[in-house]
C-alpha cells in the first residue's frame, strides 16, 4: 500500500556494494535478495520480514561524475508526469526525466527549489 505524498522507498547508491552490504548486515541485521537488472544486480533489503524496506545499487553510469555514495528517498505520487510538471512550474528541476520500470512503476529524479534531490514515483501497485 502507498499513499500520495508519503515516503515510499529508500535506496543506497554506492560504488562499494559488498562493503555496504556487510556493514548493514552486521550493524542492523539486514539481509538481501538479488534482483538482476539491465545494468547489474540490485539488492532488495529485508529486515526480518518478507516486506522489503529498501534497496542498494551501484551508482549508475548516468549520474554526474564525482557523485558520492548516498541514500536516495522516493516519494509516492498519484501521477508522476503531472507532479513533475507542477514541480517545474514552481522552480524545481528535473534531473532524470520520468521513466518506467516494469512491475515497479514510473519515476523521475528531481530537485526542489533548494536543490534537495529525491525520486518521485507512481508505484505500479495501486495505493
N, C-alpha and C. Protein backbone atom coordinates (compact mmCIF):
# COMPACT_ATOMS: atom_id res chain seq x y z
N UNK A 1 0.84 -1.18 0.00
CA UNK A 1 0.00 0.00 0.00
C UNK A 1 0.88 1.24 0.00
N UNK A 2 0.43 2.26 -0.67
CA UNK A 2 1.14 3.53 -0.68
C UNK A 2 0.14 4.66 -0.66
N UNK A 3 0.61 5.80 -0.22
CA UNK A 3 -0.23 6.98 -0.12
C UNK A 3 0.49 8.14 -0.80
N UNK A 4 -0.23 8.90 -1.62
CA UNK A 4 0.33 10.05 -2.30
C UNK A 4 0.99 10.99 -1.29
N UNK A 5 2.22 11.40 -1.62
CA UNK A 5 2.95 12.37 -0.79
C UNK A 5 3.76 11.77 0.33
N UNK A 6 3.69 10.46 0.52
CA UNK A 6 4.45 9.81 1.59
C UNK A 6 5.75 9.22 1.04
N UNK A 7 6.74 9.14 1.92
CA UNK A 7 7.98 8.47 1.52
C UNK A 7 7.66 7.01 1.28
N UNK A 8 8.18 6.48 0.16
CA UNK A 8 7.80 5.15 -0.31
C UNK A 8 8.96 4.16 -0.29
N UNK A 9 10.17 4.61 -0.61
CA UNK A 9 11.30 3.70 -0.79
C UNK A 9 12.58 4.46 -0.52
N UNK A 10 13.59 3.79 0.00
CA UNK A 10 14.92 4.37 0.19
C UNK A 10 15.94 3.46 -0.46
N UNK A 11 16.92 4.09 -1.10
CA UNK A 11 17.87 3.32 -1.90
C UNK A 11 19.28 3.87 -1.69
N UNK A 12 20.19 2.98 -1.37
CA UNK A 12 21.59 3.35 -1.25
C UNK A 12 22.28 3.15 -2.59
N UNK A 13 22.98 4.20 -3.04
CA UNK A 13 23.79 4.10 -4.26
C UNK A 13 25.24 4.27 -3.83
N UNK A 14 26.06 3.27 -4.13
CA UNK A 14 27.45 3.28 -3.70
C UNK A 14 28.31 2.47 -4.68
N UNK A 15 29.58 2.85 -4.84
CA UNK A 15 30.46 2.04 -5.68
C UNK A 15 30.98 0.81 -4.94
N UNK A 16 30.74 0.73 -3.62
CA UNK A 16 31.25 -0.38 -2.81
C UNK A 16 30.11 -1.18 -2.20
N UNK A 17 29.37 -1.87 -3.06
CA UNK A 17 28.20 -2.61 -2.61
C UNK A 17 28.55 -3.69 -1.58
N UNK A 18 29.59 -4.46 -1.82
CA UNK A 18 29.96 -5.52 -0.89
C UNK A 18 30.25 -4.98 0.50
N UNK A 19 30.99 -3.92 0.55
CA UNK A 19 31.34 -3.29 1.83
C UNK A 19 30.08 -2.76 2.54
N UNK A 20 29.19 -2.12 1.79
CA UNK A 20 27.96 -1.58 2.37
C UNK A 20 27.04 -2.70 2.85
N UNK A 21 26.88 -3.74 2.04
CA UNK A 21 26.03 -4.86 2.44
C UNK A 21 26.53 -5.49 3.73
N UNK A 22 27.83 -5.72 3.81
CA UNK A 22 28.43 -6.31 5.00
C UNK A 22 28.21 -5.41 6.23
N UNK A 23 28.43 -4.12 6.06
CA UNK A 23 28.26 -3.16 7.16
C UNK A 23 26.84 -3.19 7.72
N UNK A 24 25.84 -3.09 6.84
CA UNK A 24 24.46 -3.04 7.31
C UNK A 24 23.96 -4.40 7.82
N UNK A 25 24.49 -5.48 7.28
CA UNK A 25 24.15 -6.81 7.80
C UNK A 25 24.64 -6.94 9.24
N UNK A 26 25.87 -6.48 9.49
CA UNK A 26 26.46 -6.60 10.83
C UNK A 26 25.88 -5.61 11.83
N UNK A 27 25.52 -4.42 11.37
CA UNK A 27 25.05 -3.40 12.31
C UNK A 27 23.53 -3.38 12.48
N UNK A 28 22.77 -3.71 11.43
CA UNK A 28 21.31 -3.64 11.50
C UNK A 28 20.61 -4.98 11.28
N UNK A 29 21.38 -6.01 10.93
CA UNK A 29 20.79 -7.33 10.71
C UNK A 29 20.09 -7.48 9.38
N UNK A 30 20.40 -6.61 8.42
CA UNK A 30 19.75 -6.68 7.12
C UNK A 30 20.19 -7.90 6.34
N UNK A 31 19.27 -8.42 5.54
CA UNK A 31 19.57 -9.47 4.56
C UNK A 31 19.19 -8.90 3.19
N UNK A 32 19.61 -9.60 2.14
CA UNK A 32 19.46 -9.06 0.80
C UNK A 32 18.94 -10.11 -0.16
N UNK A 33 18.14 -9.67 -1.09
CA UNK A 33 17.65 -10.52 -2.17
C UNK A 33 18.18 -9.92 -3.47
N UNK A 34 18.91 -10.71 -4.22
CA UNK A 34 19.46 -10.25 -5.50
C UNK A 34 18.35 -10.15 -6.55
N UNK A 35 18.38 -9.05 -7.32
CA UNK A 35 17.44 -8.88 -8.42
C UNK A 35 18.25 -8.42 -9.63
N UNK A 36 18.26 -9.25 -10.67
CA UNK A 36 19.00 -8.91 -11.89
C UNK A 36 18.36 -7.72 -12.57
N UNK A 37 19.19 -6.76 -12.95
CA UNK A 37 18.76 -5.56 -13.67
C UNK A 37 19.61 -5.44 -14.92
N UNK A 38 19.18 -4.63 -15.91
CA UNK A 38 19.97 -4.48 -17.14
C UNK A 38 21.40 -4.00 -16.90
N UNK A 39 21.61 -3.15 -15.88
CA UNK A 39 22.94 -2.58 -15.63
C UNK A 39 23.67 -3.25 -14.47
N UNK A 40 23.21 -4.41 -14.02
CA UNK A 40 23.87 -5.08 -12.90
C UNK A 40 22.85 -5.65 -11.94
N UNK A 41 23.30 -5.95 -10.75
CA UNK A 41 22.43 -6.54 -9.73
C UNK A 41 21.94 -5.47 -8.77
N UNK A 42 20.65 -5.51 -8.48
CA UNK A 42 20.03 -4.64 -7.48
C UNK A 42 19.81 -5.52 -6.26
N UNK A 43 20.04 -4.97 -5.08
CA UNK A 43 19.88 -5.75 -3.86
C UNK A 43 18.71 -5.19 -3.07
N UNK A 44 17.65 -5.98 -2.93
CA UNK A 44 16.48 -5.60 -2.15
C UNK A 44 16.81 -5.88 -0.69
N UNK A 45 16.58 -4.90 0.17
CA UNK A 45 16.90 -5.02 1.60
C UNK A 45 15.69 -5.54 2.36
N UNK A 46 15.97 -6.49 3.24
CA UNK A 46 14.94 -7.02 4.14
C UNK A 46 15.48 -6.99 5.57
N UNK A 47 14.55 -6.89 6.52
CA UNK A 47 14.95 -6.87 7.93
C UNK A 47 13.94 -7.71 8.70
N UNK A 48 14.13 -9.02 8.68
CA UNK A 48 13.29 -9.92 9.46
C UNK A 48 11.84 -10.00 9.02
N UNK A 49 11.52 -9.58 7.83
CA UNK A 49 10.15 -9.58 7.35
C UNK A 49 10.16 -9.85 5.85
N UNK A 50 9.09 -10.43 5.33
CA UNK A 50 9.04 -10.63 3.88
C UNK A 50 8.84 -9.31 3.13
N UNK A 51 8.48 -8.25 3.84
CA UNK A 51 8.25 -6.95 3.21
C UNK A 51 9.59 -6.24 3.04
N UNK A 52 9.97 -5.88 1.81
CA UNK A 52 11.24 -5.19 1.61
C UNK A 52 11.20 -3.79 2.20
N UNK A 53 12.36 -3.31 2.66
CA UNK A 53 12.42 -1.98 3.28
C UNK A 53 13.26 -0.99 2.48
N UNK A 54 13.91 -1.44 1.43
CA UNK A 54 14.73 -0.54 0.62
C UNK A 54 15.57 -1.33 -0.35
N UNK A 55 16.56 -0.65 -0.94
CA UNK A 55 17.41 -1.31 -1.90
C UNK A 55 18.80 -0.72 -1.94
N UNK A 56 19.71 -1.43 -2.59
CA UNK A 56 21.08 -0.99 -2.80
C UNK A 56 21.47 -1.25 -4.24
N UNK A 57 22.24 -0.33 -4.79
CA UNK A 57 22.69 -0.48 -6.16
C UNK A 57 24.01 0.26 -6.34
N UNK A 58 24.73 -0.10 -7.38
CA UNK A 58 25.93 0.65 -7.74
C UNK A 58 25.48 2.01 -8.26
N UNK A 59 26.32 3.01 -8.11
CA UNK A 59 26.00 4.33 -8.65
C UNK A 59 25.88 4.19 -10.16
N UNK A 60 24.73 4.56 -10.72
CA UNK A 60 24.52 4.39 -12.17
C UNK A 60 25.50 5.22 -13.01
N UNK A 61 25.76 4.74 -14.22
CA UNK A 61 26.69 5.42 -15.12
C UNK A 61 26.19 6.80 -15.56
N UNK A 62 24.87 7.02 -15.54
CA UNK A 62 24.34 8.31 -15.99
C UNK A 62 24.29 9.37 -14.89
N UNK A 63 24.82 9.04 -13.70
CA UNK A 63 24.91 10.01 -12.61
C UNK A 63 26.15 10.88 -12.86
N UNK A 64 26.07 12.19 -12.56
CA UNK A 64 27.23 13.05 -12.80
C UNK A 64 28.50 12.52 -12.12
N UNK A 65 29.65 12.68 -12.78
CA UNK A 65 30.91 12.22 -12.20
C UNK A 65 31.16 12.86 -10.84
N UNK A 66 31.77 12.09 -9.95
CA UNK A 66 32.09 12.60 -8.63
C UNK A 66 30.97 12.50 -7.62
N UNK A 67 29.82 11.92 -8.00
CA UNK A 67 28.71 11.77 -7.07
C UNK A 67 29.14 10.82 -5.95
N UNK A 68 29.06 11.27 -4.70
CA UNK A 68 29.47 10.40 -3.60
C UNK A 68 28.39 9.35 -3.30
N UNK A 69 28.73 8.32 -2.55
CA UNK A 69 27.71 7.38 -2.11
C UNK A 69 26.62 8.14 -1.36
N UNK A 70 25.37 7.74 -1.55
CA UNK A 70 24.27 8.47 -0.91
C UNK A 70 23.00 7.62 -0.86
N UNK A 71 22.13 7.99 0.05
CA UNK A 71 20.80 7.42 0.12
C UNK A 71 19.87 8.33 -0.68
N UNK A 72 19.01 7.74 -1.51
CA UNK A 72 18.01 8.48 -2.26
C UNK A 72 16.63 8.03 -1.79
N UNK A 73 15.82 8.99 -1.39
CA UNK A 73 14.45 8.69 -0.95
C UNK A 73 13.49 8.93 -2.11
N UNK A 74 12.50 8.05 -2.21
CA UNK A 74 11.47 8.17 -3.23
C UNK A 74 10.15 8.50 -2.54
N UNK A 75 9.43 9.47 -3.12
CA UNK A 75 8.13 9.88 -2.60
C UNK A 75 7.07 9.39 -3.58
N UNK A 76 6.03 8.73 -3.06
CA UNK A 76 4.94 8.24 -3.90
C UNK A 76 4.05 9.41 -4.32
N UNK A 77 3.72 9.45 -5.61
CA UNK A 77 2.81 10.47 -6.13
C UNK A 77 1.75 9.81 -7.00
N UNK A 78 0.60 10.46 -7.10
CA UNK A 78 -0.51 9.88 -7.84
C UNK A 78 -0.30 9.87 -9.35
N UNK A 79 0.45 10.83 -9.90
CA UNK A 79 0.70 10.90 -11.33
C UNK A 79 2.04 11.60 -11.52
N UNK A 80 3.09 10.83 -11.73
CA UNK A 80 4.44 11.41 -11.76
C UNK A 80 4.58 12.47 -12.84
N UNK A 81 4.00 12.28 -14.00
CA UNK A 81 4.14 13.26 -15.07
C UNK A 81 3.48 14.59 -14.69
N UNK A 82 2.28 14.51 -14.14
CA UNK A 82 1.56 15.71 -13.70
C UNK A 82 2.31 16.42 -12.57
N UNK A 83 2.82 15.65 -11.63
CA UNK A 83 3.51 16.24 -10.47
C UNK A 83 4.86 16.84 -10.88
N UNK A 84 5.56 16.21 -11.82
CA UNK A 84 6.83 16.77 -12.30
C UNK A 84 6.58 18.08 -13.04
N UNK A 85 5.50 18.17 -13.80
CA UNK A 85 5.16 19.43 -14.47
C UNK A 85 4.91 20.52 -13.43
N UNK A 86 4.22 20.18 -12.34
CA UNK A 86 3.97 21.15 -11.27
C UNK A 86 5.28 21.56 -10.60
N UNK A 87 6.17 20.60 -10.39
CA UNK A 87 7.49 20.88 -9.81
C UNK A 87 8.24 21.89 -10.66
N UNK A 88 8.25 21.68 -11.97
CA UNK A 88 8.95 22.59 -12.88
C UNK A 88 8.31 23.98 -12.85
N UNK A 89 6.99 24.05 -12.81
CA UNK A 89 6.29 25.33 -12.79
C UNK A 89 6.62 26.12 -11.52
N UNK A 90 6.97 25.41 -10.45
CA UNK A 90 7.30 26.05 -9.17
C UNK A 90 8.80 26.26 -8.99
N UNK A 91 9.60 25.99 -10.04
CA UNK A 91 11.03 26.27 -9.98
C UNK A 91 11.91 25.09 -9.65
N UNK A 92 11.32 23.89 -9.54
CA UNK A 92 12.11 22.69 -9.32
C UNK A 92 12.80 22.26 -10.61
N UNK A 93 13.70 21.30 -10.49
CA UNK A 93 14.50 20.85 -11.63
C UNK A 93 14.34 19.34 -11.83
N UNK A 94 14.20 18.94 -13.07
CA UNK A 94 14.18 17.51 -13.41
C UNK A 94 15.61 17.09 -13.67
N UNK A 95 16.10 16.15 -12.88
CA UNK A 95 17.47 15.67 -13.04
C UNK A 95 17.51 14.45 -13.95
N UNK A 96 16.45 13.63 -13.89
CA UNK A 96 16.30 12.49 -14.80
C UNK A 96 14.82 12.40 -15.13
N UNK A 97 14.47 12.61 -16.40
CA UNK A 97 13.04 12.60 -16.78
C UNK A 97 12.37 11.28 -16.42
N UNK A 98 11.05 11.33 -16.35
CA UNK A 98 10.26 10.16 -15.97
C UNK A 98 10.57 8.97 -16.87
N UNK A 99 10.66 7.81 -16.25
CA UNK A 99 10.92 6.56 -16.96
C UNK A 99 10.18 5.45 -16.25
N UNK A 100 9.96 4.35 -16.95
CA UNK A 100 9.20 3.22 -16.41
C UNK A 100 10.12 2.06 -16.08
N UNK A 101 9.83 1.41 -14.97
CA UNK A 101 10.45 0.13 -14.64
C UNK A 101 9.30 -0.85 -14.49
N UNK A 102 9.19 -1.82 -15.42
CA UNK A 102 8.07 -2.76 -15.38
C UNK A 102 7.93 -3.43 -14.01
N UNK A 103 6.71 -3.45 -13.51
CA UNK A 103 6.42 -4.07 -12.23
C UNK A 103 6.77 -3.21 -11.03
N UNK A 104 7.47 -2.10 -11.24
CA UNK A 104 7.86 -1.20 -10.14
C UNK A 104 7.06 0.09 -10.21
N UNK A 105 7.10 0.75 -11.36
CA UNK A 105 6.35 1.99 -11.51
C UNK A 105 7.03 2.97 -12.44
N UNK A 106 6.49 4.17 -12.47
CA UNK A 106 7.03 5.26 -13.28
C UNK A 106 7.64 6.27 -12.32
N UNK A 107 8.89 6.67 -12.60
CA UNK A 107 9.57 7.55 -11.66
C UNK A 107 10.41 8.59 -12.38
N UNK A 108 10.75 9.65 -11.64
CA UNK A 108 11.64 10.70 -12.11
C UNK A 108 12.53 11.09 -10.93
N UNK A 109 13.71 11.58 -11.24
CA UNK A 109 14.61 12.11 -10.21
C UNK A 109 14.56 13.63 -10.35
N UNK A 110 14.26 14.30 -9.25
CA UNK A 110 14.03 15.74 -9.28
C UNK A 110 14.77 16.42 -8.14
N UNK A 111 14.87 17.74 -8.23
CA UNK A 111 15.34 18.52 -7.09
C UNK A 111 14.36 19.65 -6.86
N UNK A 112 14.19 19.99 -5.59
CA UNK A 112 13.27 21.06 -5.25
C UNK A 112 13.95 22.42 -5.41
N UNK A 113 13.29 23.48 -5.02
CA UNK A 113 13.83 24.83 -5.22
C UNK A 113 15.05 25.12 -4.34
N UNK A 114 15.32 24.26 -3.37
CA UNK A 114 16.51 24.43 -2.53
C UNK A 114 17.68 23.58 -3.02
N UNK A 115 17.42 22.72 -4.02
CA UNK A 115 18.46 21.83 -4.55
C UNK A 115 18.44 20.44 -3.96
N UNK A 116 17.51 20.16 -3.02
CA UNK A 116 17.42 18.82 -2.43
C UNK A 116 16.87 17.83 -3.45
N UNK A 117 17.53 16.70 -3.59
CA UNK A 117 17.19 15.69 -4.60
C UNK A 117 16.34 14.58 -3.98
N UNK A 118 15.36 14.12 -4.75
CA UNK A 118 14.55 12.96 -4.37
C UNK A 118 14.04 12.30 -5.63
N UNK A 119 13.52 11.11 -5.47
CA UNK A 119 12.83 10.43 -6.56
C UNK A 119 11.34 10.56 -6.32
N UNK A 120 10.58 10.80 -7.36
CA UNK A 120 9.13 10.78 -7.28
C UNK A 120 8.66 9.59 -8.09
N UNK A 121 7.78 8.78 -7.51
CA UNK A 121 7.36 7.53 -8.14
C UNK A 121 5.86 7.34 -8.05
N UNK A 122 5.28 6.91 -9.17
CA UNK A 122 3.92 6.39 -9.16
C UNK A 122 4.09 4.88 -9.19
N UNK A 123 3.92 4.23 -8.04
CA UNK A 123 4.15 2.78 -7.98
C UNK A 123 3.20 2.00 -8.89
N UNK A 124 3.69 0.88 -9.38
CA UNK A 124 2.87 0.02 -10.23
C UNK A 124 1.69 -0.56 -9.46
N UNK A 125 1.90 -0.83 -8.16
CA UNK A 125 0.83 -1.35 -7.33
C UNK A 125 -0.12 -0.21 -6.95
N UNK A 126 -1.39 -0.50 -6.92
CA UNK A 126 -2.37 0.52 -6.55
C UNK A 126 -2.26 0.85 -5.07
N UNK A 127 -2.45 2.11 -4.73
CA UNK A 127 -2.35 2.58 -3.34
C UNK A 127 -3.60 2.40 -2.58
